[in-house]
Amino acid sequence: MKIRDVQFVKSAVKPDQYPEYTVPEIAFAGRSNVGKSSMINTLIQRKDLVKTSSRPGCTQLINFFLINDDLSFVDLPGYGYAKVSKKIRAAWQPMVETYLSNRPNLLGLVLIIDIRRDPQEEERNLAQWLISHHMPFLVVLTKADKLSKTQQQKRAAAISSQMNRNTSEVILFSAKTRVGREIILDEIANLITWYEPGEEETD
């Protein structure tokens, strides 16, 4: 999958603000300090189109990006950072669940976990929600360059077990070395191969 053109479309908090296009969408979700923005920037080969911040918890909107005019990447608000207000934290879950439940062209989600950290309740709950709603998702372990090869394999095995997935089903990623970029893009390409706009309306 080659990314030729990327445009920021808009930010939204509720369905009537979502873009009206019907191109397939892939969402990205993870804790506030997991390196989600850096990962998306690496995938799209743009240095700072998706804004990164030294202050976790800053992304509080759903951000839509149009890729090659025929695919959308959706950057979901980060979760799990204690230093934002309780009001903001309380708004994140319904905002994200509303998007996940109501966006008909959403094909799947990339669930991002720091390879050095065990999955927390939020990750496990989101995975269970996705499974119960038959939503395909990838588990991507970021910051792989922080660990040795042996440590990477040990952490991948531990996280896979905690997320009830096979080790072969998690992808190691590093924004620094770009390891995992092509695998993630290939998995996304496999998903969108099956997408047909409006197919749910046919008998």
N, C-alpha and C. Protein backbone atom coordinates (compact mmCIF):
# COMPACT_ATOMS: atom_id res chain seq x y z
N MET A 1 0.85 -1.19 0.00
CA MET A 1 0.00 0.00 0.00
C MET A 1 0.89 1.25 0.00
N LYS A 2 0.76 2.08 -1.02
CA LYS A 2 1.54 3.30 -1.14
C LYS A 2 0.69 4.52 -0.80
N ILE A 3 1.21 5.36 0.07
CA ILE A 3 0.49 6.57 0.44
C ILE A 3 1.07 7.74 -0.34
N ARG A 4 0.25 8.31 -1.21
CA ARG A 4 0.70 9.38 -2.09
C ARG A 4 0.26 10.76 -1.62
N ASP A 5 -0.92 10.81 -1.01
CA ASP A 5 -1.48 12.12 -0.64
C ASP A 5 -2.23 11.99 0.67
N VAL A 6 -2.05 12.95 1.55
CA VAL A 6 -2.73 12.96 2.85
C VAL A 6 -3.27 14.36 3.12
N GLN A 7 -4.53 14.42 3.53
CA GLN A 7 -5.13 15.71 3.88
C GLN A 7 -5.83 15.60 5.22
N PHE A 8 -5.61 16.59 6.08
CA PHE A 8 -6.44 16.69 7.28
C PHE A 8 -7.80 17.20 6.85
N VAL A 9 -8.87 16.52 7.27
CA VAL A 9 -10.22 16.88 6.85
C VAL A 9 -10.90 17.75 7.89
N LYS A 10 -11.06 17.21 9.11
CA LYS A 10 -11.72 17.98 10.16
C LYS A 10 -11.63 17.24 11.48
N SER A 11 -11.99 17.94 12.54
CA SER A 11 -12.13 17.34 13.86
C SER A 11 -13.61 17.31 14.22
N ALA A 12 -13.99 16.35 15.06
CA ALA A 12 -15.41 16.20 15.41
C ALA A 12 -15.54 15.62 16.80
N VAL A 13 -16.73 15.80 17.38
CA VAL A 13 -17.04 15.18 18.67
C VAL A 13 -18.32 14.36 18.61
N LYS A 14 -19.14 14.55 17.57
CA LYS A 14 -20.42 13.84 17.48
C LYS A 14 -20.75 13.54 16.02
N PRO A 15 -21.68 12.60 15.79
CA PRO A 15 -21.93 12.11 14.43
C PRO A 15 -22.28 13.17 13.40
N ASP A 16 -23.05 14.19 13.77
CA ASP A 16 -23.42 15.17 12.74
C ASP A 16 -22.26 16.05 12.31
N GLN A 17 -21.11 15.87 12.97
CA GLN A 17 -19.91 16.60 12.57
C GLN A 17 -18.94 15.74 11.76
N TYR A 18 -19.21 14.44 11.64
CA TYR A 18 -18.30 13.56 10.90
C TYR A 18 -18.30 13.93 9.42
N PRO A 19 -17.21 13.68 8.71
CA PRO A 19 -17.21 13.89 7.26
C PRO A 19 -18.26 13.01 6.59
N GLU A 20 -18.80 13.50 5.50
CA GLU A 20 -19.89 12.79 4.83
C GLU A 20 -19.40 11.78 3.80
N TYR A 21 -18.11 11.68 3.58
CA TYR A 21 -17.63 10.73 2.59
C TYR A 21 -17.87 9.28 3.04
N THR A 22 -17.87 8.37 2.06
CA THR A 22 -18.14 6.95 2.35
C THR A 22 -16.91 6.08 2.11
N VAL A 23 -15.74 6.69 2.00
CA VAL A 23 -14.54 5.88 1.81
C VAL A 23 -14.31 5.06 3.08
N PRO A 24 -13.65 3.90 2.96
CA PRO A 24 -13.40 3.08 4.15
C PRO A 24 -12.53 3.81 5.16
N GLU A 25 -12.80 3.54 6.44
CA GLU A 25 -12.05 4.19 7.51
C GLU A 25 -11.36 3.16 8.41
N ILE A 26 -10.18 3.54 8.88
CA ILE A 26 -9.44 2.78 9.87
C ILE A 26 -9.17 3.71 11.04
N ALA A 27 -9.56 3.30 12.24
CA ALA A 27 -9.38 4.13 13.43
C ALA A 27 -8.14 3.69 14.21
N PHE A 28 -7.57 4.62 14.93
CA PHE A 28 -6.39 4.36 15.75
C PHE A 28 -6.69 4.79 17.18
N ALA A 29 -6.46 3.88 18.14
CA ALA A 29 -6.77 4.16 19.53
C ALA A 29 -5.64 3.69 20.44
N GLY A 30 -5.43 4.42 21.52
CA GLY A 30 -4.41 4.01 22.48
C GLY A 30 -4.35 5.00 23.63
N ARG A 31 -3.61 4.63 24.65
CA ARG A 31 -3.44 5.51 25.78
C ARG A 31 -2.71 6.78 25.36
N SER A 32 -2.85 7.83 26.16
CA SER A 32 -2.37 9.15 25.77
C SER A 32 -0.87 9.21 25.54
N ASN A 33 -0.09 8.38 26.20
CA ASN A 33 1.37 8.46 26.09
C ASN A 33 1.96 7.29 25.32
N VAL A 34 1.17 6.71 24.42
CA VAL A 34 1.60 5.46 23.77
C VAL A 34 2.36 5.68 22.46
N GLY A 35 2.39 6.91 21.98
CA GLY A 35 3.06 7.19 20.71
C GLY A 35 2.16 7.05 19.50
N LYS A 36 0.86 7.27 19.69
CA LYS A 36 -0.11 7.09 18.61
C LYS A 36 0.12 8.09 17.47
N SER A 37 0.30 9.36 17.81
CA SER A 37 0.50 10.38 16.77
C SER A 37 1.77 10.12 15.98
N SER A 38 2.85 9.74 16.67
CA SER A 38 4.10 9.44 15.98
C SER A 38 3.93 8.25 15.04
N MET A 39 3.13 7.27 15.46
CA MET A 39 2.92 6.11 14.62
C MET A 39 2.15 6.48 13.36
N ILE A 40 1.09 7.27 13.49
CA ILE A 40 0.32 7.66 12.32
C ILE A 40 1.18 8.50 11.38
N ASN A 41 1.96 9.43 11.93
CA ASN A 41 2.85 10.23 11.09
C ASN A 41 3.84 9.36 10.33
N THR A 42 4.34 8.30 10.96
CA THR A 42 5.26 7.38 10.29
C THR A 42 4.55 6.63 9.18
N LEU A 43 3.33 6.20 9.43
CA LEU A 43 2.58 5.47 8.40
C LEU A 43 2.34 6.35 7.18
N ILE A 44 1.98 7.60 7.40
CA ILE A 44 1.64 8.49 6.28
C ILE A 44 2.86 9.24 5.74
N GLN A 45 4.02 9.02 6.37
CA GLN A 45 5.27 9.64 5.95
C GLN A 45 5.19 11.16 5.95
N ARG A 46 4.62 11.67 7.02
CA ARG A 46 4.58 13.11 7.25
C ARG A 46 5.16 13.37 8.63
N LYS A 47 5.96 14.41 8.76
CA LYS A 47 6.67 14.62 10.01
C LYS A 47 5.75 15.03 11.15
N ASP A 48 4.81 15.91 10.87
CA ASP A 48 4.00 16.44 11.97
C ASP A 48 2.57 16.79 11.55
N LEU A 49 2.02 16.05 10.57
CA LEU A 49 0.63 16.33 10.19
C LEU A 49 -0.30 16.00 11.34
N VAL A 50 -0.05 14.86 11.99
CA VAL A 50 -0.78 14.53 13.22
C VAL A 50 0.02 15.11 14.36
N LYS A 51 -0.55 16.04 15.08
CA LYS A 51 0.19 16.80 16.07
C LYS A 51 0.59 15.92 17.25
N THR A 52 1.88 15.97 17.59
CA THR A 52 2.36 15.31 18.79
C THR A 52 2.56 16.36 19.87
N SER A 53 2.55 15.93 21.11
CA SER A 53 2.67 16.87 22.22
C SER A 53 3.48 16.25 23.34
N SER A 54 4.19 17.10 24.06
CA SER A 54 4.92 16.63 25.23
C SER A 54 3.98 16.47 26.42
N ARG A 55 2.74 16.92 26.26
CA ARG A 55 1.75 16.79 27.33
C ARG A 55 0.69 15.77 26.92
N PRO A 56 0.78 14.52 27.42
CA PRO A 56 -0.23 13.51 27.09
C PRO A 56 -1.62 13.99 27.46
N GLY A 57 -2.61 13.54 26.69
CA GLY A 57 -3.99 13.90 26.99
C GLY A 57 -4.48 15.12 26.25
N CYS A 58 -3.64 15.66 25.35
CA CYS A 58 -4.04 16.90 24.65
C CYS A 58 -5.06 16.65 23.55
N THR A 59 -5.02 15.49 22.91
CA THR A 59 -5.96 15.20 21.83
C THR A 59 -7.31 14.82 22.41
N GLN A 60 -8.28 15.71 22.28
CA GLN A 60 -9.59 15.49 22.88
C GLN A 60 -10.70 15.48 21.84
N LEU A 61 -10.32 15.39 20.57
CA LEU A 61 -11.27 15.36 19.47
C LEU A 61 -11.00 14.14 18.60
N ILE A 62 -11.99 13.79 17.78
CA ILE A 62 -11.81 12.75 16.77
C ILE A 62 -11.33 13.44 15.50
N ASN A 63 -10.14 13.09 15.03
CA ASN A 63 -9.53 13.76 13.89
C ASN A 63 -9.54 12.86 12.66
N PHE A 64 -10.02 13.40 11.55
CA PHE A 64 -10.17 12.64 10.31
C PHE A 64 -9.14 13.09 9.27
N PHE A 65 -8.50 12.11 8.65
CA PHE A 65 -7.51 12.36 7.60
C PHE A 65 -7.89 11.55 6.36
N LEU A 66 -7.80 12.17 5.19
CA LEU A 66 -8.11 11.50 3.94
C LEU A 66 -6.80 11.06 3.28
N ILE A 67 -6.72 9.78 2.95
CA ILE A 67 -5.52 9.18 2.39
C ILE A 67 -5.79 8.79 0.94
N ASN A 68 -4.99 9.34 0.01
CA ASN A 68 -5.11 8.99 -1.43
C ASN A 68 -6.51 9.19 -1.98
N ASP A 69 -7.33 10.00 -1.31
CA ASP A 69 -8.71 10.26 -1.74
C ASP A 69 -9.62 9.05 -1.68
N ASP A 70 -9.13 7.91 -1.14
CA ASP A 70 -9.99 6.72 -1.12
C ASP A 70 -9.90 5.93 0.18
N LEU A 71 -9.36 6.54 1.22
CA LEU A 71 -9.24 5.89 2.51
C LEU A 71 -9.16 6.98 3.57
N SER A 72 -9.68 6.69 4.76
CA SER A 72 -9.60 7.65 5.85
C SER A 72 -8.94 7.01 7.07
N PHE A 73 -7.97 7.72 7.67
CA PHE A 73 -7.43 7.36 8.96
C PHE A 73 -8.10 8.26 10.00
N VAL A 74 -8.50 7.67 11.11
CA VAL A 74 -9.20 8.42 12.15
C VAL A 74 -8.43 8.30 13.46
N ASP A 75 -7.95 9.42 13.95
CA ASP A 75 -7.17 9.49 15.18
C ASP A 75 -8.14 9.74 16.33
N LEU A 76 -8.35 8.70 17.15
CA LEU A 76 -9.28 8.82 18.27
C LEU A 76 -8.58 9.43 19.48
N PRO A 77 -9.32 10.10 20.35
CA PRO A 77 -8.71 10.71 21.53
C PRO A 77 -8.00 9.68 22.39
N GLY A 78 -6.84 10.07 22.91
CA GLY A 78 -6.13 9.20 23.84
C GLY A 78 -6.89 9.08 25.15
N TYR A 79 -6.65 7.99 25.85
CA TYR A 79 -7.38 7.77 27.10
C TYR A 79 -6.41 7.38 28.21
N GLY A 80 -6.89 7.42 29.44
CA GLY A 80 -6.13 6.88 30.55
C GLY A 80 -5.12 7.81 31.17
N TYR A 81 -5.15 9.10 30.83
CA TYR A 81 -4.17 10.01 31.43
C TYR A 81 -4.82 10.79 32.56
N ALA A 82 -4.28 10.66 33.76
CA ALA A 82 -4.95 11.13 34.96
C ALA A 82 -4.96 12.64 35.11
N LYS A 83 -4.04 13.36 34.44
CA LYS A 83 -3.90 14.78 34.71
C LYS A 83 -4.87 15.67 33.95
N VAL A 84 -5.70 15.08 33.09
CA VAL A 84 -6.76 15.88 32.50
C VAL A 84 -7.95 15.86 33.45
N SER A 85 -8.89 16.77 33.26
CA SER A 85 -10.00 16.90 34.19
C SER A 85 -10.91 15.67 34.14
N LYS A 86 -11.62 15.44 35.24
CA LYS A 86 -12.57 14.32 35.28
C LYS A 86 -13.66 14.49 34.24
N LYS A 87 -14.04 15.74 33.98
CA LYS A 87 -15.09 16.00 32.99
C LYS A 87 -14.63 15.56 31.60
N ILE A 88 -13.37 15.86 31.24
CA ILE A 88 -12.85 15.46 29.94
C ILE A 88 -12.73 13.95 29.86
N ARG A 89 -12.19 13.31 30.91
CA ARG A 89 -12.05 11.86 30.91
C ARG A 89 -13.40 11.19 30.76
N ALA A 90 -14.42 11.73 31.43
CA ALA A 90 -15.76 11.13 31.36
C ALA A 90 -16.35 11.25 29.96
N ALA A 91 -15.94 12.27 29.21
CA ALA A 91 -16.51 12.49 27.87
C ALA A 91 -15.88 11.59 26.82
N TRP A 92 -14.66 11.12 27.07
CA TRP A 92 -13.93 10.37 26.05
C TRP A 92 -14.63 9.07 25.67
N GLN A 93 -15.00 8.26 26.66
CA GLN A 93 -15.56 6.95 26.33
C GLN A 93 -16.83 7.03 25.50
N PRO A 94 -17.84 7.82 25.91
CA PRO A 94 -19.03 7.89 25.06
C PRO A 94 -18.75 8.49 23.69
N MET A 95 -17.81 9.44 23.59
CA MET A 95 -17.47 10.02 22.30
C MET A 95 -16.92 8.95 21.36
N VAL A 96 -16.00 8.14 21.88
CA VAL A 96 -15.37 7.12 21.06
C VAL A 96 -16.34 5.98 20.76
N GLU A 97 -17.11 5.54 21.75
CA GLU A 97 -18.06 4.45 21.51
C GLU A 97 -19.14 4.86 20.53
N THR A 98 -19.56 6.12 20.58
CA THR A 98 -20.55 6.60 19.62
C THR A 98 -19.99 6.53 18.21
N TYR A 99 -18.74 6.95 18.04
CA TYR A 99 -18.10 6.85 16.72
C TYR A 99 -18.01 5.40 16.27
N LEU A 100 -17.49 4.53 17.13
CA LEU A 100 -17.30 3.14 16.76
C LEU A 100 -18.62 2.45 16.42
N SER A 101 -19.67 2.84 17.10
CA SER A 101 -20.98 2.19 16.92
C SER A 101 -21.75 2.71 15.72
N ASN A 102 -21.46 3.94 15.29
CA ASN A 102 -22.35 4.60 14.33
C ASN A 102 -21.70 4.93 12.99
N ARG A 103 -20.45 4.60 12.82
CA ARG A 103 -19.77 4.95 11.56
C ARG A 103 -19.82 3.75 10.62
N PRO A 104 -20.71 3.76 9.62
CA PRO A 104 -20.92 2.55 8.79
C PRO A 104 -19.72 2.17 7.95
N ASN A 105 -18.86 3.12 7.59
CA ASN A 105 -17.72 2.82 6.74
C ASN A 105 -16.46 2.50 7.53
N LEU A 106 -16.57 2.36 8.87
CA LEU A 106 -15.43 1.96 9.69
C LEU A 106 -15.17 0.47 9.51
N LEU A 107 -13.96 0.13 9.03
CA LEU A 107 -13.62 -1.26 8.75
C LEU A 107 -12.89 -1.95 9.88
N GLY A 108 -12.13 -1.20 10.65
CA GLY A 108 -11.34 -1.83 11.71
C GLY A 108 -10.60 -0.80 12.52
N LEU A 109 -9.92 -1.28 13.55
CA LEU A 109 -9.24 -0.39 14.48
C LEU A 109 -7.84 -0.91 14.76
N VAL A 110 -6.91 0.01 14.92
CA VAL A 110 -5.55 -0.31 15.33
C VAL A 110 -5.44 0.05 16.81
N LEU A 111 -5.30 -0.96 17.64
CA LEU A 111 -5.19 -0.77 19.09
C LEU A 111 -3.71 -0.73 19.45
N ILE A 112 -3.27 0.39 20.00
CA ILE A 112 -1.84 0.66 20.19
C ILE A 112 -1.49 0.54 21.67
N ILE A 113 -0.44 -0.23 21.95
CA ILE A 113 0.01 -0.47 23.32
C ILE A 113 1.53 -0.27 23.37
N ASP A 114 2.02 0.42 24.38
CA ASP A 114 3.45 0.56 24.61
C ASP A 114 4.01 -0.81 24.99
N ILE A 115 4.99 -1.29 24.23
CA ILE A 115 5.52 -2.63 24.46
C ILE A 115 6.10 -2.80 25.86
N ARG A 116 6.46 -1.71 26.52
CA ARG A 116 7.08 -1.79 27.84
C ARG A 116 6.06 -1.85 28.97
N ARG A 117 4.78 -1.69 28.63
CA ARG A 117 3.73 -1.62 29.66
C ARG A 117 2.73 -2.75 29.47
N ASP A 118 2.21 -3.28 30.55
CA ASP A 118 1.15 -4.28 30.47
C ASP A 118 -0.15 -3.60 30.06
N PRO A 119 -1.00 -4.28 29.31
CA PRO A 119 -2.32 -3.72 28.98
C PRO A 119 -3.10 -3.42 30.26
N GLN A 120 -3.77 -2.28 30.27
CA GLN A 120 -4.58 -1.89 31.41
C GLN A 120 -6.05 -2.20 31.12
N GLU A 121 -6.89 -1.86 32.08
CA GLU A 121 -8.33 -2.15 31.95
C GLU A 121 -8.91 -1.54 30.69
N GLU A 122 -8.46 -0.31 30.34
CA GLU A 122 -9.01 0.34 29.15
C GLU A 122 -8.74 -0.47 27.89
N GLU A 123 -7.52 -0.98 27.74
CA GLU A 123 -7.19 -1.78 26.56
C GLU A 123 -8.02 -3.06 26.52
N ARG A 124 -8.11 -3.72 27.65
CA ARG A 124 -8.86 -4.98 27.69
C ARG A 124 -10.34 -4.74 27.41
N ASN A 125 -10.89 -3.68 27.98
CA ASN A 125 -12.30 -3.36 27.76
C ASN A 125 -12.57 -3.02 26.30
N LEU A 126 -11.67 -2.23 25.70
CA LEU A 126 -11.85 -1.86 24.30
C LEU A 126 -11.77 -3.10 23.41
N ALA A 127 -10.81 -3.98 23.69
CA ALA A 127 -10.70 -5.21 22.89
C ALA A 127 -11.97 -6.04 23.01
N GLN A 128 -12.51 -6.17 24.22
CA GLN A 128 -13.74 -6.94 24.40
C GLN A 128 -14.91 -6.30 23.67
N TRP A 129 -14.97 -4.98 23.69
CA TRP A 129 -16.04 -4.26 22.98
C TRP A 129 -15.93 -4.55 21.48
N LEU A 130 -14.72 -4.47 20.95
CA LEU A 130 -14.52 -4.71 19.52
C LEU A 130 -14.90 -6.14 19.14
N ILE A 131 -14.50 -7.09 19.98
CA ILE A 131 -14.85 -8.50 19.71
C ILE A 131 -16.36 -8.70 19.74
N SER A 132 -17.01 -8.12 20.73
CA SER A 132 -18.46 -8.31 20.87
C SER A 132 -19.24 -7.66 19.73
N HIS A 133 -18.63 -6.64 19.10
CA HIS A 133 -19.28 -5.97 17.98
C HIS A 133 -18.71 -6.42 16.63
N HIS A 134 -17.94 -7.52 16.66
CA HIS A 134 -17.40 -8.12 15.43
C HIS A 134 -16.58 -7.11 14.60
N MET A 135 -15.83 -6.27 15.30
CA MET A 135 -15.00 -5.27 14.64
C MET A 135 -13.55 -5.78 14.57
N PRO A 136 -13.00 -5.98 13.38
CA PRO A 136 -11.60 -6.41 13.28
C PRO A 136 -10.66 -5.38 13.91
N PHE A 137 -9.60 -5.86 14.55
CA PHE A 137 -8.62 -4.92 15.09
C PHE A 137 -7.23 -5.54 15.10
N LEU A 138 -6.24 -4.66 14.93
CA LEU A 138 -4.83 -5.02 15.04
C LEU A 138 -4.33 -4.58 16.41
N VAL A 139 -3.43 -5.36 17.00
CA VAL A 139 -2.73 -4.93 18.20
C VAL A 139 -1.31 -4.58 17.79
N VAL A 140 -0.92 -3.32 17.98
CA VAL A 140 0.40 -2.85 17.60
C VAL A 140 1.15 -2.42 18.86
N LEU A 141 2.36 -2.95 19.03
CA LEU A 141 3.19 -2.63 20.20
C LEU A 141 4.23 -1.60 19.78
N THR A 142 4.07 -0.38 20.28
CA THR A 142 4.96 0.71 19.89
C THR A 142 6.22 0.74 20.76
N LYS A 143 7.16 1.58 20.31
CA LYS A 143 8.42 1.84 21.03
C LYS A 143 9.28 0.58 21.15
N ALA A 144 9.21 -0.27 20.12
CA ALA A 144 9.97 -1.51 20.13
C ALA A 144 11.47 -1.26 20.18
N ASP A 145 11.91 -0.11 19.66
CA ASP A 145 13.34 0.20 19.65
C ASP A 145 13.92 0.41 21.04
N LYS A 146 13.05 0.58 22.04
CA LYS A 146 13.52 0.78 23.41
C LYS A 146 14.01 -0.52 24.05
N LEU A 147 13.72 -1.67 23.42
CA LEU A 147 14.06 -2.96 23.99
C LEU A 147 14.97 -3.75 23.05
N SER A 148 15.70 -4.70 23.61
CA SER A 148 16.50 -5.62 22.80
C SER A 148 15.57 -6.59 22.08
N LYS A 149 16.09 -7.31 21.11
CA LYS A 149 15.29 -8.28 20.38
C LYS A 149 14.70 -9.33 21.33
N THR A 150 15.52 -9.81 22.27
CA THR A 150 15.03 -10.81 23.22
C THR A 150 13.92 -10.24 24.09
N GLN A 151 14.12 -9.03 24.56
CA GLN A 151 13.09 -8.38 25.39
C GLN A 151 11.82 -8.13 24.58
N GLN A 152 11.96 -7.77 23.32
CA GLN A 152 10.79 -7.57 22.47
C GLN A 152 9.94 -8.83 22.40
N GLN A 153 10.58 -9.96 22.19
CA GLN A 153 9.84 -11.21 22.06
C GLN A 153 9.16 -11.60 23.38
N LYS A 154 9.86 -11.37 24.49
CA LYS A 154 9.26 -11.67 25.79
C LYS A 154 8.05 -10.79 26.05
N ARG A 155 8.18 -9.51 25.77
CA ARG A 155 7.06 -8.59 26.01
C ARG A 155 5.91 -8.88 25.05
N ALA A 156 6.22 -9.20 23.80
CA ALA A 156 5.16 -9.52 22.84
C ALA A 156 4.38 -10.74 23.30
N ALA A 157 5.09 -11.74 23.81
CA ALA A 157 4.42 -12.96 24.29
C ALA A 157 3.55 -12.65 25.50
N ALA A 158 4.06 -11.83 26.43
CA ALA A 158 3.32 -11.50 27.63
C ALA A 158 2.06 -10.70 27.31
N ILE A 159 2.19 -9.70 26.45
CA ILE A 159 1.04 -8.87 26.10
C ILE A 159 0.02 -9.67 25.29
N SER A 160 0.50 -10.51 24.39
CA SER A 160 -0.42 -11.35 23.60
C SER A 160 -1.26 -12.22 24.52
N SER A 161 -0.63 -12.81 25.53
CA SER A 161 -1.34 -13.66 26.48
C SER A 161 -2.41 -12.86 27.22
N GLN A 162 -2.05 -11.66 27.68
CA GLN A 162 -2.99 -10.84 28.43
C GLN A 162 -4.15 -10.35 27.56
N MET A 163 -3.92 -10.23 26.25
CA MET A 163 -4.96 -9.77 25.33
C MET A 163 -5.66 -10.93 24.63
N ASN A 164 -5.31 -12.17 25.04
CA ASN A 164 -5.93 -13.37 24.46
C ASN A 164 -5.75 -13.45 22.95
N ARG A 165 -4.54 -13.16 22.51
CA ARG A 165 -4.21 -13.26 21.09
C ARG A 165 -2.92 -14.05 20.93
N ASN A 166 -2.75 -14.62 19.76
CA ASN A 166 -1.50 -15.31 19.46
C ASN A 166 -0.39 -14.29 19.26
N THR A 167 0.83 -14.68 19.59
CA THR A 167 1.96 -13.77 19.42
C THR A 167 2.09 -13.31 17.97
N SER A 168 1.75 -14.19 17.04
CA SER A 168 1.83 -13.83 15.62
C SER A 168 0.81 -12.77 15.23
N GLU A 169 -0.15 -12.50 16.12
CA GLU A 169 -1.21 -11.54 15.80
C GLU A 169 -0.90 -10.13 16.32
N VAL A 170 0.24 -9.94 16.95
CA VAL A 170 0.62 -8.59 17.37
C VAL A 170 1.79 -8.12 16.50
N ILE A 171 1.86 -6.82 16.27
CA ILE A 171 2.85 -6.24 15.39
C ILE A 171 3.78 -5.34 16.20
N LEU A 172 5.07 -5.56 16.08
CA LEU A 172 6.05 -4.69 16.73
C LEU A 172 6.29 -3.48 15.85
N PHE A 173 6.34 -2.30 16.48
CA PHE A 173 6.47 -1.06 15.70
C PHE A 173 7.42 -0.09 16.41
N SER A 174 8.14 0.67 15.59
CA SER A 174 8.97 1.76 16.11
C SER A 174 8.90 2.93 15.15
N ALA A 175 8.54 4.10 15.66
CA ALA A 175 8.55 5.30 14.83
C ALA A 175 9.98 5.70 14.48
N LYS A 176 10.93 5.32 15.32
CA LYS A 176 12.34 5.67 15.10
C LYS A 176 12.95 4.85 13.98
N THR A 177 12.77 3.54 14.02
CA THR A 177 13.38 2.66 13.02
C THR A 177 12.42 2.31 11.88
N ARG A 178 11.13 2.62 12.06
CA ARG A 178 10.08 2.34 11.07
C ARG A 178 9.76 0.85 10.94
N VAL A 179 10.31 0.03 11.85
CA VAL A 179 9.98 -1.39 11.83
C VAL A 179 8.48 -1.55 12.04
N GLY A 180 7.85 -2.42 11.29
CA GLY A 180 6.42 -2.68 11.41
C GLY A 180 5.55 -1.84 10.51
N ARG A 181 6.10 -0.78 9.91
CA ARG A 181 5.27 0.12 9.08
C ARG A 181 4.62 -0.62 7.93
N GLU A 182 5.41 -1.36 7.17
CA GLU A 182 4.87 -2.02 5.98
C GLU A 182 3.87 -3.12 6.36
N ILE A 183 4.11 -3.79 7.49
CA ILE A 183 3.18 -4.84 7.92
C ILE A 183 1.82 -4.23 8.25
N ILE A 184 1.84 -3.11 8.98
CA ILE A 184 0.57 -2.45 9.33
C ILE A 184 -0.17 -2.02 8.07
N LEU A 185 0.53 -1.39 7.14
CA LEU A 185 -0.11 -0.94 5.90
C LEU A 185 -0.64 -2.11 5.09
N ASP A 186 0.08 -3.22 5.07
CA ASP A 186 -0.40 -4.41 4.36
C ASP A 186 -1.69 -4.94 5.00
N GLU A 187 -1.75 -4.95 6.32
CA GLU A 187 -2.95 -5.42 7.01
C GLU A 187 -4.14 -4.50 6.72
N ILE A 188 -3.88 -3.20 6.69
CA ILE A 188 -4.95 -2.26 6.36
C ILE A 188 -5.41 -2.48 4.92
N ALA A 189 -4.46 -2.68 4.02
CA ALA A 189 -4.82 -2.93 2.61
C ALA A 189 -5.66 -4.19 2.47
N ASN A 190 -5.35 -5.21 3.27
CA ASN A 190 -6.14 -6.44 3.22
C ASN A 190 -7.58 -6.19 3.65
N LEU A 191 -7.76 -5.34 4.65
CA LEU A 191 -9.12 -5.04 5.11
C LEU A 191 -9.91 -4.29 4.04
N ILE A 192 -9.30 -3.27 3.45
CA ILE A 192 -10.08 -2.43 2.52
C ILE A 192 -10.33 -3.14 1.20
N THR A 193 -9.61 -4.22 0.93
CA THR A 193 -9.87 -5.01 -0.29
C THR A 193 -11.31 -5.50 -0.32
N TRP A 194 -11.87 -5.76 0.86
CA TRP A 194 -13.21 -6.34 0.94
C TRP A 194 -14.30 -5.28 1.05
N TYR A 195 -13.92 -4.01 1.07
CA TYR A 195 -14.91 -2.96 1.30
C TYR A 195 -15.66 -2.62 0.03
N GLU A 196 -16.98 -2.60 0.14
CA GLU A 196 -17.84 -2.17 -0.94
C GLU A 196 -18.87 -1.20 -0.38
N PRO A 197 -18.80 0.08 -0.73
CA PRO A 197 -19.75 1.07 -0.20
C PRO A 197 -21.18 0.65 -0.49
N GLY A 198 -22.00 0.71 0.55
CA GLY A 198 -23.42 0.43 0.39
C GLY A 198 -23.78 -1.02 0.32
N GLU A 199 -22.80 -1.93 0.52
CA GLU A 199 -23.13 -3.35 0.36
C GLU A 199 -24.12 -3.83 1.40
N GLU A 200 -24.20 -3.11 2.57
CA GLU A 200 -25.15 -3.54 3.60
C GLU A 200 -26.59 -3.35 3.17
N GLU A 201 -26.81 -2.58 2.10
CA GLU A 201 -28.16 -2.31 1.65
C GLU A 201 -28.65 -3.36 0.65
N THR A 202 -27.76 -4.22 0.18
CA THR A 202 -28.18 -5.20 -0.81
C THR A 202 -28.69 -6.46 -0.14
N ASP A 203 -29.50 -7.23 -0.87
CA ASP A 203 -30.03 -8.49 -0.33
C ASP A 203 -29.07 -9.62 -0.63
